[in-house]
């Protein structure tokens, strides 16, 4: 028995030494960063801005691969099933924490099959409306919606997206009823709002503010605790009688479960360093995005909290993926 214990201890030591040696030689070839959305959106922006700085720090190329579909499930599954060798990472946003409740038949276990590396950023949402809508603030929108139950509509970038669930939360909190029109991304939803087919919508500030500034849409509220520098004239929900209404999306880096801790910690450290850069922070702030940069442990805990928070919204609103 003593010999067996010594053998086990020796084997464990050998494995630790091998892991450390592997991490020391990493990376010696290009790294993949899977982006489970189309190019140009919030997820893609964060992946490339932070990913490029990580690549520069590591002295190795990061290849960005866009694999959209199924509310980010397709791309995330690629990460979950990749070899945990430090050469595959992914970027996810708030929809990632929605999927376990919205789609109980996920091809991966959200917490067991993935390593959480770093929460890169968070982004509050802005509510906009078509200029013809006879409501110029949240109070007027609530009154209008209550006077025409089910007649007003709202767009989102997809079923289960932060934009969708934020409106469901708004409806629940205000006792209003509006029809959901889901799109496959923000661009189509915004196009139809500007065109007058959609009454109101939520999404991140960056893509929506140009339409507000040009007069093609009007801003009603932001879902932050305080006013946002990227939209300083737009009041918060709390300022308009909907207290404690804080919502938004976020972006973070993931890796396959079992990726060596030394590598995960290194990538998290480089991400945090990149997000501490004042120039990058300013660039993100212009889009209404707040730089974060967390530890792996903090990010994993955050995702667990998000799963619970949005799970309640989904169940209370009886949201189904088949909608």
Foldseek 3Di string as FASTA:
>chain_A
DVVVVVVVVVVVVVVVVVLVVLLVPPDPAEAEEEEQADPDDPQNVLCVLLVVLLCVVRVYHYHYHYRYDDLSLRRVVCQLPDDLSLRYKYKDKLLLLQCCQQPVPRPDDSQAFKFFQKFWWWFWKWKKFFPVPPDQADVRVLVVQVVPAAPAAEEDLAFSDQFVLLVLVVCVQSVGHYHYDYHNGDPVRQVVRLVPNHTMTMAGQQVPVVCCVVNSIPIHAIQDPAAAPLCNVHHHVVVVPRPPRHTTMTMGMMGTPPNRPSSSQSSLVSSQVSLVDPVVQVVQSNRRMHTDRDGSVVRSVVSVVSSVVSSVSCVVSVGHNVD
